[in-house]
C-alpha atoms as a PDB file:
ATOM      1  CA  MET A   1      30.305  44.796  -7.969  1.00  0.00           C
ATOM      2  CA  THR A   2      26.700  45.083  -6.840  1.00  0.00           C
ATOM      3  CA  ARG A   3      26.193  45.583  -3.119  1.00  0.00           C
ATOM      4  CA  ARG A   4      24.457  42.712  -1.359  1.00  0.00           C
ATOM      5  CA  ASP A   5      22.708  43.270   1.936  1.00  0.00           C
ATOM      6  CA  VAL A   6      21.836  40.870   4.731  1.00  0.00           C
ATOM      7  CA  PHE A   7      18.208  39.801   4.897  1.00  0.00           C
ATOM      8  CA  GLU A   8      16.301  37.537   7.264  1.00  0.00           C
ATOM      9  CA  TYR A   9      13.316  35.362   6.540  1.00  0.00           C
ATOM     10  CA  ALA A  10      10.924  32.988   8.240  1.00  0.00           C
ATOM     11  CA  LEU A  11       8.396  30.610   6.810  1.00  0.00           C
ATOM     12  CA  LEU A  12       4.766  30.791   7.853  1.00  0.00           C
ATOM     13  CA  ARG A  13       3.435  27.373   8.701  1.00  0.00           C
ATOM     14  CA  VAL A  14      -0.149  26.243   8.978  1.00  0.00           C
ATOM     15  CA  VAL A  15      -0.715  23.874  11.897  1.00  0.00           C
ATOM     16  CA  PRO A  16      -4.399  22.933  11.582  1.00  0.00           C
ATOM     17  CA  ARG A  17      -4.465  20.863  14.752  1.00  0.00           C
ATOM     18  CA  VAL A  18      -1.895  22.328  17.126  1.00  0.00           C
ATOM     19  CA  GLU A  19      -2.069  19.303  19.425  1.00  0.00           C
ATOM     20  CA  ARG A  20      -0.851  17.040  16.577  1.00  0.00           C
ATOM     21  CA  GLY A  21       1.965  19.333  15.411  1.00  0.00           C
ATOM     22  CA  GLU A  22       1.516  18.493  11.712  1.00  0.00           C
ATOM     23  CA  CYS A  23       2.196  21.456   9.462  1.00  0.00           C
ATOM     24  CA  PHE A  24       2.904  22.726   5.965  1.00  0.00           C
ATOM     25  CA  ASN A  25       4.406  25.940   4.592  1.00  0.00           C
ATOM     26  CA  ALA A  26       1.959  28.638   3.524  1.00  0.00           C
ATOM     27  CA  GLY A  27       4.020  31.815   3.307  1.00  0.00           C
ATOM     28  CA  VAL A  28       7.252  33.649   3.888  1.00  0.00           C
ATOM     29  CA  ILE A  29       8.215  36.869   5.696  1.00  0.00           C
ATOM     30  CA  VAL A  30      11.341  38.737   4.554  1.00  0.00           C
ATOM     31  CA  TYR A  31      13.077  41.548   6.433  1.00  0.00           C
ATOM     32  CA  CYS A  32      16.050  43.607   5.244  1.00  0.00           C
ATOM     33  CA  ARG A  33      17.230  46.277   7.672  1.00  0.00           C
ATOM     34  CA  ALA A  34      19.444  48.042   5.114  1.00  0.00           C
ATOM     35  CA  HIS A  35      16.376  48.699   2.941  1.00  0.00           C
ATOM     36  CA  SER A  36      13.878  49.250   5.805  1.00  0.00           C
ATOM     37  CA  PHE A  37      11.947  46.456   4.116  1.00  0.00           C
ATOM     38  CA  VAL A  38       9.538  43.881   5.475  1.00  0.00           C
ATOM     39  CA  ALA A  39       7.020  41.932   3.414  1.00  0.00           C
ATOM     40  CA  ALA A  40       5.091  38.699   3.499  1.00  0.00           C
ATOM     41  CA  ARG A  41       3.590  36.651   0.700  1.00  0.00           C
ATOM     42  CA  THR A  42       1.303  33.714   1.285  1.00  0.00           C
ATOM     43  CA  HIS A  43      -0.147  30.802  -0.648  1.00  0.00           C
ATOM     44  CA  LEU A  44      -2.645  28.482   1.017  1.00  0.00           C
ATOM     45  CA  ASP A  45      -2.876  24.968  -0.427  1.00  0.00           C
ATOM     46  CA  GLU A  46      -6.419  24.047   0.591  1.00  0.00           C
ATOM     47  CA  ALA A  47      -5.929  20.400  -0.385  1.00  0.00           C
ATOM     48  CA  LYS A  48      -3.043  20.041   2.089  1.00  0.00           C
ATOM     49  CA  LEU A  49      -5.090  21.786   4.747  1.00  0.00           C
ATOM     50  CA  ARG A  50      -8.028  19.416   4.214  1.00  0.00           C
ATOM     51  CA  VAL A  51      -5.748  16.349   4.368  1.00  0.00           C
ATOM     52  CA  LEU A  52      -4.475  17.381   7.789  1.00  0.00           C
ATOM     53  CA  ASP A  53      -7.876  18.527   9.036  1.00  0.00           C
ATOM     54  CA  PRO A  54     -11.018  17.913   6.962  1.00  0.00           C
ATOM     55  CA  ASP A  55     -12.924  20.304   9.249  1.00  0.00           C
ATOM     56  CA  ALA A  56     -10.361  23.129   9.117  1.00  0.00           C
ATOM     57  CA  ASP A  57     -11.589  26.715   9.048  1.00  0.00           C
ATOM     58  CA  VAL A  58     -10.264  27.696   5.614  1.00  0.00           C
ATOM     59  CA  VAL A  59     -11.695  31.207   5.858  1.00  0.00           C
ATOM     60  CA  GLY A  60     -10.054  31.708   9.256  1.00  0.00           C
ATOM     61  CA  VAL A  61      -6.659  30.437   8.055  1.00  0.00           C
ATOM     62  CA  ARG A  62      -6.808  32.732   5.009  1.00  0.00           C
ATOM     63  CA  ALA A  63      -7.690  35.659   7.293  1.00  0.00           C
ATOM     64  CA  ALA A  64      -4.717  34.896   9.567  1.00  0.00           C
ATOM     65  CA  LEU A  65      -2.348  34.764   6.586  1.00  0.00           C
ATOM     66  CA  ARG A  66      -3.739  38.051   5.208  1.00  0.00           C
ATOM     67  CA  ALA A  67      -3.265  39.612   8.652  1.00  0.00           C
ATOM     68  CA  VAL A  68       0.456  38.805   8.523  1.00  0.00           C
ATOM     69  CA  GLU A  69       0.684  40.456   5.107  1.00  0.00           C
ATOM     70  CA  GLY A  70      -1.181  43.463   6.544  1.00  0.00           C
ATOM     71  CA  VAL A  71       1.189  43.855   9.479  1.00  0.00           C
ATOM     72  CA  CYS A  72       4.158  43.756   7.113  1.00  0.00           C
ATOM     73  CA  GLY A  73       2.570  46.392   4.897  1.00  0.00           C
ATOM     74  CA  GLY A  74       2.173  48.829   7.781  1.00  0.00           C
ATOM     75  CA  GLY A  75      -0.385  51.605   7.806  1.00  0.00           C
ATOM     76  CA  GLU A  76      -3.990  50.881   8.741  1.00  0.00           C
ATOM     77  CA  GLY A  77      -3.610  47.223   7.736  1.00  0.00           C
ATOM     78  CA  ALA A  78      -1.053  46.713  10.498  1.00  0.00           C
ATOM     79  CA  GLY A  79      -3.450  47.342  13.366  1.00  0.00           C
ATOM     80  CA  GLN A  80      -1.615  48.108  16.613  1.00  0.00           C
ATOM     81  CA  ALA A  81       1.728  47.660  14.832  1.00  0.00           C
ATOM     82  CA  ALA A  82       0.954  50.514  12.399  1.00  0.00           C
ATOM     83  CA  GLY A  83       3.422  52.892  14.040  1.00  0.00           C
ATOM     84  CA  ASP A  84       6.216  50.349  14.410  1.00  0.00           C
ATOM     85  CA  ASP A  85       9.242  50.320  12.133  1.00  0.00           C
ATOM     86  CA  PRO A  86       9.730  47.327   9.783  1.00  0.00           C
ATOM     87  CA  GLY A  87      12.182  45.620  12.154  1.00  0.00           C
ATOM     88  CA  ARG A  88       9.771  45.705  15.090  1.00  0.00           C
ATOM     89  CA  ARG A  89       6.938  44.393  12.905  1.00  0.00           C
ATOM     90  CA  PHE A  90       9.164  41.523  11.698  1.00  0.00           C
ATOM     91  CA  ARG A  91      10.261  40.631  15.243  1.00  0.00           C
ATOM     92  CA  TRP A  92       6.653  40.677  16.447  1.00  0.00           C
ATOM     93  CA  LEU A  93       5.560  38.383  13.581  1.00  0.00           C
ATOM     94  CA  ILE A  94       8.338  35.840  14.146  1.00  0.00           C
ATOM     95  CA  ALA A  95       7.687  35.502  17.881  1.00  0.00           C
ATOM     96  CA  PRO A  96       6.740  31.895  18.738  1.00  0.00           C
ATOM     97  CA  ARG A  97       3.032  31.284  19.154  1.00  0.00           C
ATOM     98  CA  SER A  98       0.704  28.342  19.527  1.00  0.00           C
ATOM     99  CA  THR A  99      -1.847  29.195  16.859  1.00  0.00           C
ATOM    100  CA  VAL A 100      -2.936  27.733  13.537  1.00  0.00           C
ATOM    101  CA  VAL A 101      -0.531  30.045  11.648  1.00  0.00           C
ATOM    102  CA  GLN A 102       2.954  29.955  13.161  1.00  0.00           C
ATOM    103  CA  PRO A 103       6.335  31.356  12.155  1.00  0.00           C
ATOM    104  CA  GLY A 104       9.215  28.984  11.581  1.00  0.00           C
ATOM    105  CA  ALA A 105      12.854  29.500  12.433  1.00  0.00           C
ATOM    106  CA  VAL A 106      14.624  32.628  11.179  1.00  0.00           C
ATOM    107  CA  HIS A 107      17.224  32.196   8.445  1.00  0.00           C
ATOM    108  CA  SER A 108      19.455  34.747   6.725  1.00  0.00           C
ATOM    109  CA  GLY A 109      21.094  35.414   3.406  1.00  0.00           C
ATOM    110  CA  LEU A 110      22.441  38.139   1.139  1.00  0.00           C
ATOM    111  CA  THR A 111      20.439  39.954  -1.498  1.00  0.00           C
ATOM    112  CA  THR A 112      20.422  42.909  -3.853  1.00  0.00           C
ATOM    113  CA  ASP A 113      16.613  42.775  -4.099  1.00  0.00           C
ATOM    114  CA  PRO A 114      14.608  42.075  -0.919  1.00  0.00           C
ATOM    115  CA  ALA A 115      11.265  42.218  -2.762  1.00  0.00           C
ATOM    116  CA  GLY A 116      12.572  39.668  -5.236  1.00  0.00           C
ATOM    117  CA  GLU A 117      13.596  37.400  -2.356  1.00  0.00           C
ATOM    118  CA  VAL A 118      10.005  37.286  -1.135  1.00  0.00           C
ATOM    119  CA  GLU A 119       8.845  35.890  -4.480  1.00  0.00           C
ATOM    120  CA  ARG A 120      11.859  33.604  -4.902  1.00  0.00           C
ATOM    121  CA  LEU A 121      11.422  32.060  -1.454  1.00  0.00           C
ATOM    122  CA  LEU A 122       7.663  31.683  -1.900  1.00  0.00           C
ATOM    123  CA  ASP A 123       8.245  29.772  -5.143  1.00  0.00           C
ATOM    124  CA  LEU A 124      11.096  27.703  -3.702  1.00  0.00           C
ATOM    125  CA  LEU A 125       9.708  26.834  -0.268  1.00  0.00           C
ATOM    126  CA  VAL A 126       5.930  27.198  -0.382  1.00  0.00           C
ATOM    127  CA  ARG A 127       4.384  26.567  -3.801  1.00  0.00           C
END
């Protein structure tokens, strides 16, 4: 039997006008402690963004989503979090915030392939 490990994930939501609270999913962050793995994948649906806010800063939202991917990747792209382990980077990214890109609730599951979960969840919950 193949070993399955616990993983956690959170959706990344775009909230173009924070005061209205309307949002849509634009990415997913996956963390698996057993594999020292953290990764994010994003997909911005510009049409949805424009419906919720015709004047939205598309470039700024894309930059915020890329920044999350950079923090997950570690190294120079992670900025101040560069020296943190994957678990600390995940916990920092899922902390509640009142910004245009916000993390959703954390969920968990079992997997044999954390990298595959990132793609599966992106397809299932974002695209």
